[in-house]
């Protein structure tokens, strides 16, 4: 079992030491399920990218902005929400750590 608080703290330390101001650690990989702690220093970002079939974002520490063409969404520590099915990016409004939960494929069910 992983300690999210400790993972977030460690990734924030790594992000602060990184020239790019970000760090990530995939800590759970079970079939199509992925959980990753991502840390970003204030002002750093993840460039726009595609959304997996299903994903959610939980802010563990700090404040972030989910950027997308349909309108940006600010999130603070303690909030969790789905990631919209459109290209999006993520910007840290202050030093932040988030938990990304993603399902990378959805298999059709047999009938």
PDB file of N, CA and C in Angstrom:
ATOM      1  N   UNK A   1       0.848  -1.174   0.000  1.00  0.00           N
ATOM      2  CA  UNK A   1       0.000   0.000   0.000  1.00  0.00           C
ATOM      3  C   UNK A   1       0.896   1.241   0.000  1.00  0.00           C
ATOM      4  N   UNK A   2       0.528   2.222  -0.788  1.00  0.00           N
ATOM      5  CA  UNK A   2       1.312   3.447  -0.891  1.00  0.00           C
ATOM      6  C   UNK A   2       0.712   4.564  -0.049  1.00  0.00           C
ATOM      7  N   UNK A   3       1.555   5.433   0.447  1.00  0.00           N
ATOM      8  CA  UNK A   3       1.158   6.606   1.231  1.00  0.00           C
ATOM      9  C   UNK A   3       1.153   7.808   0.286  1.00  0.00           C
ATOM     10  N   UNK A   4      -0.051   8.289  -0.100  1.00  0.00           N
ATOM     11  CA  UNK A   4      -0.157   9.391  -1.063  1.00  0.00           C
ATOM     12  C   UNK A   4       0.501  10.668  -0.560  1.00  0.00           C
ATOM     13  N   UNK A   5       0.416  10.935   0.728  1.00  0.00           N
ATOM     14  CA  UNK A   5       1.034  12.139   1.276  1.00  0.00           C
ATOM     15  C   UNK A   5       2.546  12.089   1.097  1.00  0.00           C
ATOM     16  N   UNK A   6       3.137  10.939   1.401  1.00  0.00           N
ATOM     17  CA  UNK A   6       4.584  10.787   1.244  1.00  0.00           C
ATOM     18  C   UNK A   6       4.979  10.834  -0.233  1.00  0.00           C
ATOM     19  N   UNK A   7       4.198  10.179  -1.108  1.00  0.00           N
ATOM     20  CA  UNK A   7       4.485  10.230  -2.541  1.00  0.00           C
ATOM     21  C   UNK A   7       4.420  11.660  -3.074  1.00  0.00           C
ATOM     22  N   UNK A   8       3.410  12.408  -2.659  1.00  0.00           N
ATOM     23  CA  UNK A   8       3.265  13.799  -3.104  1.00  0.00           C
ATOM     24  C   UNK A   8       4.449  14.634  -2.637  1.00  0.00           C
ATOM     25  N   UNK A   9       4.834  14.475  -1.387  1.00  0.00           N
ATOM     26  CA  UNK A   9       5.962  15.236  -0.828  1.00  0.00           C
ATOM     27  C   UNK A   9       7.247  14.908  -1.596  1.00  0.00           C
ATOM     28  N   UNK A  10       7.484  13.610  -1.850  1.00  0.00           N
ATOM     29  CA  UNK A  10       8.684  13.193  -2.574  1.00  0.00           C
ATOM     30  C   UNK A  10       8.689  13.748  -4.008  1.00  0.00           C
ATOM     31  N   UNK A  11       7.548  13.670  -4.691  1.00  0.00           N
ATOM     32  CA  UNK A  11       7.489  14.178  -6.066  1.00  0.00           C
ATOM     33  C   UNK A  11       7.655  15.697  -6.109  1.00  0.00           C
ATOM     34  N   UNK A  12       7.116  16.401  -5.109  1.00  0.00           N
ATOM     35  CA  UNK A  12       7.328  17.854  -5.047  1.00  0.00           C
ATOM     36  C   UNK A  12       8.806  18.180  -4.866  1.00  0.00           C
ATOM     37  N   UNK A  13       9.493  17.421  -4.010  1.00  0.00           N
ATOM     38  CA  UNK A  13      10.940  17.628  -3.848  1.00  0.00           C
ATOM     39  C   UNK A  13      11.665  17.401  -5.164  1.00  0.00           C
ATOM     40  N   UNK A  14      11.303  16.333  -5.881  1.00  0.00           N
ATOM     41  CA  UNK A  14      11.925  16.050  -7.183  1.00  0.00           C
ATOM     42  C   UNK A  14      11.613  17.136  -8.202  1.00  0.00           C
ATOM     43  N   UNK A  15      10.374  17.639  -8.202  1.00  0.00           N
ATOM     44  CA  UNK A  15       9.997  18.704  -9.149  1.00  0.00           C
ATOM     45  C   UNK A  15      10.793  19.975  -8.869  1.00  0.00           C
ATOM     46  N   UNK A  16      10.974  20.302  -7.606  1.00  0.00           N
ATOM     47  CA  UNK A  16      11.746  21.501  -7.239  1.00  0.00           C
ATOM     48  C   UNK A  16      13.198  21.378  -7.669  1.00  0.00           C
ATOM     49  N   UNK A  17      13.716  20.145  -7.718  1.00  0.00           N
ATOM     50  CA  UNK A  17      15.102  19.910  -8.124  1.00  0.00           C
ATOM     51  C   UNK A  17      15.251  19.794  -9.649  1.00  0.00           C
ATOM     52  N   UNK A  18      14.144  19.666 -10.354  1.00  0.00           N
ATOM     53  CA  UNK A  18      14.157  19.479 -11.805  1.00  0.00           C
ATOM     54  C   UNK A  18      14.218  20.813 -12.543  1.00  0.00           C
ATOM     55  N   UNK A  19      14.965  20.850 -13.619  1.00  0.00           N
ATOM     56  CA  UNK A  19      15.042  22.061 -14.448  1.00  0.00           C
ATOM     57  C   UNK A  19      13.695  22.391 -15.081  1.00  0.00           C
ATOM     58  N   UNK A  20      12.842  21.384 -15.265  1.00  0.00           N
ATOM     59  CA  UNK A  20      11.532  21.591 -15.890  1.00  0.00           C
ATOM     60  C   UNK A  20      10.429  21.863 -14.869  1.00  0.00           C
ATOM     61  N   UNK A  21      10.737  21.703 -13.585  1.00  0.00           N
ATOM     62  CA  UNK A  21       9.752  21.993 -12.549  1.00  0.00           C
ATOM     63  C   UNK A  21       8.636  20.988 -12.444  1.00  0.00           C
ATOM     64  N   UNK A  22       8.906  19.746 -12.841  1.00  0.00           N
ATOM     65  CA  UNK A  22       7.862  18.727 -12.738  1.00  0.00           C
ATOM     66  C   UNK A  22       8.482  17.357 -12.494  1.00  0.00           C
ATOM     67  N   UNK A  23       7.664  16.486 -11.925  1.00  0.00           N
ATOM     68  CA  UNK A  23       8.090  15.124 -11.639  1.00  0.00           C
ATOM     69  C   UNK A  23       6.844  14.251 -11.585  1.00  0.00           C
ATOM     70  N   UNK A  24       6.985  12.987 -11.957  1.00  0.00           N
ATOM     71  CA  UNK A  24       5.841  12.070 -11.922  1.00  0.00           C
ATOM     72  C   UNK A  24       6.307  10.677 -11.526  1.00  0.00           C
ATOM     73  N   UNK A  25       5.411   9.967 -10.861  1.00  0.00           N
ATOM     74  CA  UNK A  25       5.704   8.590 -10.463  1.00  0.00           C
ATOM     75  C   UNK A  25       4.452   7.738 -10.639  1.00  0.00           C
ATOM     76  N   UNK A  26       4.529   6.771 -11.561  1.00  0.00           N
ATOM     77  CA  UNK A  26       3.460   5.794 -11.758  1.00  0.00           C
ATOM     78  C   UNK A  26       3.616   4.757 -10.655  1.00  0.00           C
ATOM     79  N   UNK A  27       2.658   4.714  -9.729  1.00  0.00           N
ATOM     80  CA  UNK A  27       2.797   3.802  -8.599  1.00  0.00           C
ATOM     81  C   UNK A  27       1.818   2.636  -8.635  1.00  0.00           C
ATOM     82  N   UNK A  28       0.821   2.697  -9.500  1.00  0.00           N
ATOM     83  CA  UNK A  28      -0.106   1.584  -9.624  1.00  0.00           C
ATOM     84  C   UNK A  28      -0.370   1.341 -11.098  1.00  0.00           C
ATOM     85  N   UNK A  29      -0.114   0.111 -11.527  1.00  0.00           N
ATOM     86  CA  UNK A  29      -0.338  -0.280 -12.921  1.00  0.00           C
ATOM     87  C   UNK A  29      -0.975  -1.660 -12.873  1.00  0.00           C
ATOM     88  N   UNK A  30      -2.275  -1.696 -13.135  1.00  0.00           N
ATOM     89  CA  UNK A  30      -3.025  -2.937 -13.067  1.00  0.00           C
ATOM     90  C   UNK A  30      -3.880  -3.040 -14.319  1.00  0.00           C
ATOM     91  N   UNK A  31      -3.410  -3.803 -15.305  1.00  0.00           N
ATOM     92  CA  UNK A  31      -4.122  -3.881 -16.576  1.00  0.00           C
ATOM     93  C   UNK A  31      -4.240  -2.488 -17.181  1.00  0.00           C
ATOM     94  N   UNK A  32      -5.462  -2.046 -17.511  1.00  0.00           N
ATOM     95  CA  UNK A  32      -5.633  -0.728 -18.119  1.00  0.00           C
ATOM     96  C   UNK A  32      -5.671   0.420 -17.096  1.00  0.00           C
ATOM     97  N   UNK A  33      -5.606   0.087 -15.800  1.00  0.00           N
ATOM     98  CA  UNK A  33      -5.682   1.112 -14.751  1.00  0.00           C
ATOM     99  C   UNK A  33      -4.289   1.632 -14.413  1.00  0.00           C
ATOM    100  N   UNK A  34      -4.158   2.965 -14.379  1.00  0.00           N
ATOM    101  CA  UNK A  34      -2.895   3.616 -14.014  1.00  0.00           C
ATOM    102  C   UNK A  34      -3.188   4.689 -12.978  1.00  0.00           C
ATOM    103  N   UNK A  35      -2.345   4.755 -11.941  1.00  0.00           N
ATOM    104  CA  UNK A  35      -2.420   5.863 -10.992  1.00  0.00           C
ATOM    105  C   UNK A  35      -1.026   6.462 -10.876  1.00  0.00           C
ATOM    106  N   UNK A  36      -0.963   7.770 -11.050  1.00  0.00           N
ATOM    107  CA  UNK A  36       0.305   8.485 -11.084  1.00  0.00           C
ATOM    108  C   UNK A  36       0.209   9.732 -10.224  1.00  0.00           C
ATOM    109  N   UNK A  37       1.234   9.959  -9.400  1.00  0.00           N
ATOM    110  CA  UNK A  37       1.349  11.226  -8.682  1.00  0.00           C
ATOM    111  C   UNK A  37       2.230  12.125  -9.535  1.00  0.00           C
ATOM    112  N   UNK A  38       1.711  13.309  -9.852  1.00  0.00           N
ATOM    113  CA  UNK A  38       2.428  14.299 -10.664  1.00  0.00           C
ATOM    114  C   UNK A  38       2.612  15.547  -9.816  1.00  0.00           C
ATOM    115  N   UNK A  39       3.830  16.064  -9.794  1.00  0.00           N
ATOM    116  CA  UNK A  39       4.105  17.297  -9.063  1.00  0.00           C
ATOM    117  C   UNK A  39       4.610  18.354 -10.039  1.00  0.00           C
ATOM    118  N   UNK A  40       4.145  19.573  -9.837  1.00  0.00           N
ATOM    119  CA  UNK A  40       4.536  20.716 -10.660  1.00  0.00           C
ATOM    120  C   UNK A  40       4.860  21.886  -9.746  1.00  0.00           C
ATOM    121  N   UNK A  41       5.958  22.594 -10.037  1.00  0.00           N
ATOM    122  CA  UNK A  41       6.250  23.796  -9.280  1.00  0.00           C
ATOM    123  C   UNK A  41       5.411  24.947  -9.830  1.00  0.00           C
ATOM    124  N   UNK A  42       5.221  25.955  -9.032  1.00  0.00           N
ATOM    125  CA  UNK A  42       4.399  27.101  -9.415  1.00  0.00           C
ATOM    126  C   UNK A  42       4.818  27.640 -10.783  1.00  0.00           C
ATOM    127  N   UNK A  43       3.835  27.762 -11.686  1.00  0.00           N
ATOM    128  CA  UNK A  43       4.085  28.294 -13.021  1.00  0.00           C
ATOM    129  C   UNK A  43       4.457  27.254 -14.056  1.00  0.00           C
ATOM    130  N   UNK A  44       4.829  26.054 -13.642  1.00  0.00           N
ATOM    131  CA  UNK A  44       5.165  25.015 -14.620  1.00  0.00           C
ATOM    132  C   UNK A  44       3.891  24.326 -15.096  1.00  0.00           C
ATOM    133  N   UNK A  45       4.018  23.615 -16.211  1.00  0.00           N
ATOM    134  CA  UNK A  45       2.809  23.026 -16.788  1.00  0.00           C
ATOM    135  C   UNK A  45       3.109  21.759 -17.563  1.00  0.00           C
ATOM    136  N   UNK A  46       2.047  21.037 -17.854  1.00  0.00           N
ATOM    137  CA  UNK A  46       2.079  19.916 -18.782  1.00  0.00           C
ATOM    138  C   UNK A  46       1.402  20.420 -20.049  1.00  0.00           C
ATOM    139  N   UNK A  47       2.076  20.293 -21.178  1.00  0.00           N
ATOM    140  CA  UNK A  47       1.514  20.767 -22.439  1.00  0.00           C
ATOM    141  C   UNK A  47       0.226  20.022 -22.772  1.00  0.00           C
ATOM    142  N   UNK A  48      -0.531  20.614 -23.667  1.00  0.00           N
ATOM    143  CA  UNK A  48      -1.791  20.031 -24.102  1.00  0.00           C
ATOM    144  C   UNK A  48      -1.562  18.615 -24.634  1.00  0.00           C
ATOM    145  N   UNK A  49      -2.469  17.712 -24.248  1.00  0.00           N
ATOM    146  CA  UNK A  49      -2.375  16.315 -24.668  1.00  0.00           C
ATOM    147  C   UNK A  49      -3.771  15.702 -24.719  1.00  0.00           C
ATOM    148  N   UNK A  50      -3.858  14.510 -25.311  1.00  0.00           N
ATOM    149  CA  UNK A  50      -5.144  13.820 -25.442  1.00  0.00           C
ATOM    150  C   UNK A  50      -5.543  13.152 -24.135  1.00  0.00           C
ATOM    151  N   UNK A  51      -6.831  12.919 -23.996  1.00  0.00           N
ATOM    152  CA  UNK A  51      -7.388  12.280 -22.814  1.00  0.00           C
ATOM    153  C   UNK A  51      -7.514  10.782 -23.053  1.00  0.00           C
ATOM    154  N   UNK A  52      -7.184   9.961 -22.048  1.00  0.00           N
ATOM    155  CA  UNK A  52      -7.453   8.526 -22.186  1.00  0.00           C
ATOM    156  C   UNK A  52      -8.964   8.292 -22.138  1.00  0.00           C
ATOM    157  N   UNK A  53      -9.408   7.060 -22.371  1.00  0.00           N
ATOM    158  CA  UNK A  53     -10.854   6.791 -22.366  1.00  0.00           C
ATOM    159  C   UNK A  53     -11.578   7.244 -21.103  1.00  0.00           C
ATOM    160  N   UNK A  54     -10.915   7.144 -19.949  1.00  0.00           N
ATOM    161  CA  UNK A  54     -11.516   7.611 -18.694  1.00  0.00           C
ATOM    162  C   UNK A  54     -10.396   8.048 -17.763  1.00  0.00           C
ATOM    163  N   UNK A  55     -10.601   9.181 -17.078  1.00  0.00           N
ATOM    164  CA  UNK A  55      -9.566   9.675 -16.160  1.00  0.00           C
ATOM    165  C   UNK A  55     -10.162  10.654 -15.162  1.00  0.00           C
ATOM    166  N   UNK A  56      -9.511  10.713 -14.001  1.00  0.00           N
ATOM    167  CA  UNK A  56      -9.888  11.710 -13.000  1.00  0.00           C
ATOM    168  C   UNK A  56      -8.615  12.344 -12.451  1.00  0.00           C
ATOM    169  N   UNK A  57      -8.792  13.523 -11.878  1.00  0.00           N
ATOM    170  CA  UNK A  57      -7.679  14.264 -11.298  1.00  0.00           C
ATOM    171  C   UNK A  57      -8.073  14.668  -9.888  1.00  0.00           C
ATOM    172  N   UNK A  58      -7.216  14.340  -8.925  1.00  0.00           N
ATOM    173  CA  UNK A  58      -7.420  14.744  -7.542  1.00  0.00           C
ATOM    174  C   UNK A  58      -6.234  15.592  -7.123  1.00  0.00           C
ATOM    175  N   UNK A  59      -6.503  16.767  -6.590  1.00  0.00           N
ATOM    176  CA  UNK A  59      -5.428  17.645  -6.141  1.00  0.00           C
ATOM    177  C   UNK A  59      -5.063  17.257  -4.716  1.00  0.00           C
ATOM    178  N   UNK A  60      -3.823  16.828  -4.542  1.00  0.00           N
ATOM    179  CA  UNK A  60      -3.328  16.410  -3.232  1.00  0.00           C
ATOM    180  C   UNK A  60      -2.738  17.576  -2.457  1.00  0.00           C
ATOM    181  N   UNK A  61      -2.152  18.529  -3.182  1.00  0.00           N
ATOM    182  CA  UNK A  61      -1.482  19.678  -2.560  1.00  0.00           C
ATOM    183  C   UNK A  61      -1.476  20.825  -3.564  1.00  0.00           C
ATOM    184  N   UNK A  62      -1.764  22.017  -3.102  1.00  0.00           N
ATOM    185  CA  UNK A  62      -1.642  23.189  -3.960  1.00  0.00           C
ATOM    186  C   UNK A  62      -2.893  23.545  -4.735  1.00  0.00           C
ATOM    187  N   UNK A  63      -2.651  24.179  -5.887  1.00  0.00           N
ATOM    188  CA  UNK A  63      -3.742  24.690  -6.727  1.00  0.00           C
ATOM    189  C   UNK A  63      -3.300  24.596  -8.178  1.00  0.00           C
ATOM    190  N   UNK A  64      -4.154  24.031  -9.032  1.00  0.00           N
ATOM    191  CA  UNK A  64      -3.838  23.825 -10.441  1.00  0.00           C
ATOM    192  C   UNK A  64      -4.957  24.355 -11.334  1.00  0.00           C
ATOM    193  N   UNK A  65      -4.635  24.517 -12.595  1.00  0.00           N
ATOM    194  CA  UNK A  65      -5.626  24.913 -13.606  1.00  0.00           C
ATOM    195  C   UNK A  65      -5.598  23.886 -14.725  1.00  0.00           C
ATOM    196  N   UNK A  66      -6.734  23.227 -14.938  1.00  0.00           N
ATOM    197  CA  UNK A  66      -6.924  22.324 -16.062  1.00  0.00           C
ATOM    198  C   UNK A  66      -7.325  23.210 -17.240  1.00  0.00           C
ATOM    199  N   UNK A  67      -6.498  23.235 -18.289  1.00  0.00           N
ATOM    200  CA  UNK A  67      -6.759  24.115 -19.429  1.00  0.00           C
ATOM    201  C   UNK A  67      -7.315  23.304 -20.592  1.00  0.00           C
ATOM    202  N   UNK A  68      -8.390  23.834 -21.191  1.00  0.00           N
ATOM    203  CA  UNK A  68      -9.024  23.161 -22.326  1.00  0.00           C
ATOM    204  C   UNK A  68      -9.810  24.187 -23.131  1.00  0.00           C
ATOM    205  N   UNK A  69     -10.124  23.831 -24.366  1.00  0.00           N
ATOM    206  CA  UNK A  69     -10.807  24.785 -25.253  1.00  0.00           C
ATOM    207  C   UNK A  69     -12.203  25.135 -24.761  1.00  0.00           C
ATOM    208  N   UNK A  70     -12.858  24.243 -24.024  1.00  0.00           N
ATOM    209  CA  UNK A  70     -14.214  24.519 -23.547  1.00  0.00           C
ATOM    210  C   UNK A  70     -14.224  25.418 -22.301  1.00  0.00           C
ATOM    211  N   UNK A  71     -13.050  25.754 -21.792  1.00  0.00           N
ATOM    212  CA  UNK A  71     -12.957  26.636 -20.627  1.00  0.00           C
ATOM    213  C   UNK A  71     -12.083  26.028 -19.544  1.00  0.00           C
ATOM    214  N   UNK A  72     -11.281  26.860 -18.919  1.00  0.00           N
ATOM    215  CA  UNK A  72     -10.369  26.387 -17.885  1.00  0.00           C
ATOM    216  C   UNK A  72     -11.112  26.081 -16.594  1.00  0.00           C
ATOM    217  N   UNK A  73     -10.518  25.214 -15.803  1.00  0.00           N
ATOM    218  CA  UNK A  73     -11.111  24.836 -14.517  1.00  0.00           C
ATOM    219  C   UNK A  73     -10.008  24.846 -13.464  1.00  0.00           C
ATOM    220  N   UNK A  74     -10.163  25.691 -12.450  1.00  0.00           N
ATOM    221  CA  UNK A  74      -9.222  25.727 -11.335  1.00  0.00           C
ATOM    222  C   UNK A  74      -9.645  24.719 -10.287  1.00  0.00           C
ATOM    223  N   UNK A  75      -8.653  24.059  -9.689  1.00  0.00           N
ATOM    224  CA  UNK A  75      -8.904  23.056  -8.656  1.00  0.00           C
ATOM    225  C   UNK A  75      -7.934  23.286  -7.510  1.00  0.00           C
ATOM    226  N   UNK A  76      -8.398  23.030  -6.293  1.00  0.00           N
ATOM    227  CA  UNK A  76      -7.566  23.198  -5.099  1.00  0.00           C
ATOM    228  C   UNK A  76      -7.436  21.865  -4.366  1.00  0.00           C
ATOM    229  N   UNK A  77      -6.488  21.823  -3.428  1.00  0.00           N
ATOM    230  CA  UNK A  77      -6.253  20.608  -2.653  1.00  0.00           C
ATOM    231  C   UNK A  77      -7.556  20.094  -2.055  1.00  0.00           C
ATOM    232  N   UNK A  78      -7.763  18.795  -2.199  1.00  0.00           N
ATOM    233  CA  UNK A  78      -8.965  18.154  -1.682  1.00  0.00           C
ATOM    234  C   UNK A  78     -10.026  17.938  -2.736  1.00  0.00           C
ATOM    235  N   UNK A  79      -9.936  18.620  -3.865  1.00  0.00           N
ATOM    236  CA  UNK A  79     -10.942  18.459  -4.915  1.00  0.00           C
ATOM    237  C   UNK A  79     -10.548  17.329  -5.863  1.00  0.00           C
ATOM    238  N   UNK A  80     -11.568  16.661  -6.391  1.00  0.00           N
ATOM    239  CA  UNK A  80     -11.381  15.606  -7.378  1.00  0.00           C
ATOM    240  C   UNK A  80     -12.462  15.767  -8.443  1.00  0.00           C
ATOM    241  N   UNK A  81     -12.104  15.473  -9.679  1.00  0.00           N
ATOM    242  CA  UNK A  81     -13.084  15.579 -10.755  1.00  0.00           C
ATOM    243  C   UNK A  81     -12.631  14.818 -11.982  1.00  0.00           C
ATOM    244  N   UNK A  82     -13.572  14.578 -12.900  1.00  0.00           N
ATOM    245  CA  UNK A  82     -13.233  13.886 -14.138  1.00  0.00           C
ATOM    246  C   UNK A  82     -12.431  14.795 -15.057  1.00  0.00           C
ATOM    247  N   UNK A  83     -11.615  14.184 -15.880  1.00  0.00           N
ATOM    248  CA  UNK A  83     -10.914  14.938 -16.917  1.00  0.00           C
ATOM    249  C   UNK A  83     -11.785  14.870 -18.166  1.00  0.00           C
ATOM    250  N   UNK A  84     -12.159  16.025 -18.712  1.00  0.00           N
ATOM    251  CA  UNK A  84     -13.043  16.047 -19.887  1.00  0.00           C
ATOM    252  C   UNK A  84     -12.423  15.317 -21.081  1.00  0.00           C
ATOM    253  N   UNK A  85     -13.283  14.828 -21.954  1.00  0.00           N
ATOM    254  CA  UNK A  85     -12.840  14.097 -23.139  1.00  0.00           C
ATOM    255  C   UNK A  85     -12.499  15.064 -24.263  1.00  0.00           C
ATOM    256  N   UNK A  86     -11.437  15.830 -24.043  1.00  0.00           N
ATOM    257  CA  UNK A  86     -10.913  16.757 -25.048  1.00  0.00           C
ATOM    258  C   UNK A  86      -9.450  17.009 -24.714  1.00  0.00           C
ATOM    259  N   UNK A  87      -8.723  17.551 -25.685  1.00  0.00           N
ATOM    260  CA  UNK A  87      -7.320  17.881 -25.419  1.00  0.00           C
ATOM    261  C   UNK A  87      -7.281  18.873 -24.270  1.00  0.00           C
ATOM    262  N   UNK A  88      -6.278  18.720 -23.423  1.00  0.00           N
ATOM    263  CA  UNK A  88      -6.188  19.561 -22.238  1.00  0.00           C
ATOM    264  C   UNK A  88      -4.734  19.665 -21.786  1.00  0.00           C
ATOM    265  N   UNK A  89      -4.475  20.610 -20.922  1.00  0.00           N
ATOM    266  CA  UNK A  89      -3.172  20.769 -20.300  1.00  0.00           C
ATOM    267  C   UNK A  89      -3.376  21.008 -18.816  1.00  0.00           C
ATOM    268  N   UNK A  90      -2.282  21.112 -18.082  1.00  0.00           N
ATOM    269  CA  UNK A  90      -2.352  21.335 -16.642  1.00  0.00           C
ATOM    270  C   UNK A  90      -1.286  22.338 -16.257  1.00  0.00           C
ATOM    271  N   UNK A  91      -1.679  23.368 -15.516  1.00  0.00           N
ATOM    272  CA  UNK A  91      -0.741  24.400 -15.068  1.00  0.00           C
ATOM    273  C   UNK A  91      -0.822  24.513 -13.552  1.00  0.00           C
ATOM    274  N   UNK A  92       0.351  24.594 -12.912  1.00  0.00           N
ATOM    275  CA  UNK A  92       0.400  24.766 -11.452  1.00  0.00           C
ATOM    276  C   UNK A  92       0.314  26.255 -11.132  1.00  0.00           C
ATOM    277  N   UNK A  93      -0.673  26.625 -10.336  1.00  0.00           N
ATOM    278  CA  UNK A  93      -0.820  28.013  -9.903  1.00  0.00           C
ATOM    279  C   UNK A  93       0.011  28.271  -8.647  1.00  0.00           C
ATOM    280  N   UNK A  94       0.427  27.184  -8.000  1.00  0.00           N
ATOM    281  CA  UNK A  94       1.388  27.198  -6.897  1.00  0.00           C
ATOM    282  C   UNK A  94       1.998  25.803  -6.875  1.00  0.00           C
ATOM    283  N   UNK A  95       3.048  25.583  -6.097  1.00  0.00           N
ATOM    284  CA  UNK A  95       3.615  24.240  -6.025  1.00  0.00           C
ATOM    285  C   UNK A  95       2.482  23.259  -5.716  1.00  0.00           C
ATOM    286  N   UNK A  96       2.361  22.218  -6.552  1.00  0.00           N
ATOM    287  CA  UNK A  96       1.193  21.337  -6.475  1.00  0.00           C
ATOM    288  C   UNK A  96       1.557  19.887  -6.751  1.00  0.00           C
ATOM    289  N   UNK A  97       0.730  19.007  -6.198  1.00  0.00           N
ATOM    290  CA  UNK A  97       0.814  17.578  -6.497  1.00  0.00           C
ATOM    291  C   UNK A  97      -0.598  17.078  -6.746  1.00  0.00           C
ATOM    292  N   UNK A  98      -0.742  16.256  -7.781  1.00  0.00           N
ATOM    293  CA  UNK A  98      -2.049  15.718  -8.147  1.00  0.00           C
ATOM    294  C   UNK A  98      -1.956  14.209  -8.308  1.00  0.00           C
ATOM    295  N   UNK A  99      -3.093  13.557  -8.140  1.00  0.00           N
ATOM    296  CA  UNK A  99      -3.211  12.131  -8.404  1.00  0.00           C
ATOM    297  C   UNK A  99      -4.010  11.975  -9.689  1.00  0.00           C
ATOM    298  N   UNK A 100      -3.375  11.427 -10.711  1.00  0.00           N
ATOM    299  CA  UNK A 100      -4.044  11.134 -11.974  1.00  0.00           C
ATOM    300  C   UNK A 100      -4.411   9.657 -11.973  1.00  0.00           C
ATOM    301  N   UNK A 101      -5.695   9.380 -12.117  1.00  0.00           N
ATOM    302  CA  UNK A 101      -6.179   8.010 -12.263  1.00  0.00           C
ATOM    303  C   UNK A 101      -6.694   7.887 -13.689  1.00  0.00           C
ATOM    304  N   UNK A 102      -6.140   6.940 -14.436  1.00  0.00           N
ATOM    305  CA  UNK A 102      -6.509   6.812 -15.846  1.00  0.00           C
ATOM    306  C   UNK A 102      -6.781   5.357 -16.205  1.00  0.00           C
ATOM    307  N   UNK A 103      -7.768   5.177 -17.064  1.00  0.00           N
ATOM    308  CA  UNK A 103      -8.053   3.887 -17.674  1.00  0.00           C
ATOM    309  C   UNK A 103      -7.630   4.030 -19.126  1.00  0.00           C
ATOM    310  N   UNK A 104      -6.650   3.224 -19.544  1.00  0.00           N
ATOM    311  CA  UNK A 104      -6.046   3.407 -20.856  1.00  0.00           C
ATOM    312  C   UNK A 104      -6.759   2.689 -21.986  1.00  0.00           C
ATOM    313  N   UNK A 105      -7.630   1.755 -21.636  1.00  0.00           N
ATOM    314  CA  UNK A 105      -8.435   1.104 -22.677  1.00  0.00           C
ATOM    315  C   UNK A 105      -9.728   0.608 -22.059  1.00  0.00           C
ATOM    316  N   UNK A 106     -10.745   0.557 -22.889  1.00  0.00           N
ATOM    317  CA  UNK A 106     -12.040   0.039 -22.456  1.00  0.00           C
ATOM    318  C   UNK A 106     -12.373  -1.109 -23.392  1.00  0.00           C
ATOM    319  N   UNK A 107     -12.506  -2.280 -22.835  1.00  0.00           N
ATOM    320  CA  UNK A 107     -12.806  -3.461 -23.644  1.00  0.00           C
ATOM    321  C   UNK A 107     -14.316  -3.597 -23.786  1.00  0.00           C
ATOM    322  N   UNK A 108     -14.726  -4.011 -24.960  1.00  0.00           N
ATOM    323  CA  UNK A 108     -16.153  -4.271 -25.186  1.00  0.00           C
ATOM    324  C   UNK A 108     -16.557  -5.496 -24.383  1.00  0.00           C
ATOM    325  N   UNK A 109     -17.722  -5.429 -23.796  1.00  0.00           N
ATOM    326  CA  UNK A 109     -18.219  -6.564 -23.029  1.00  0.00           C
ATOM    327  C   UNK A 109     -18.942  -7.540 -23.927  1.00  0.00           C
ATOM    328  N   UNK A 110     -18.801  -8.811 -23.646  1.00  0.00           N
ATOM    329  CA  UNK A 110     -19.485  -9.852 -24.435  1.00  0.00           C
ATOM    330  C   UNK A 110     -20.969  -9.852 -24.082  1.00  0.00           C
ATOM    331  N   UNK A 111     -21.792 -10.071 -25.060  1.00  0.00           N
ATOM    332  CA  UNK A 111     -23.236 -10.116 -24.830  1.00  0.00           C
ATOM    333  C   UNK A 111     -23.768 -11.504 -24.959  1.00  0.00           C
TER     334      UNK A 111
END
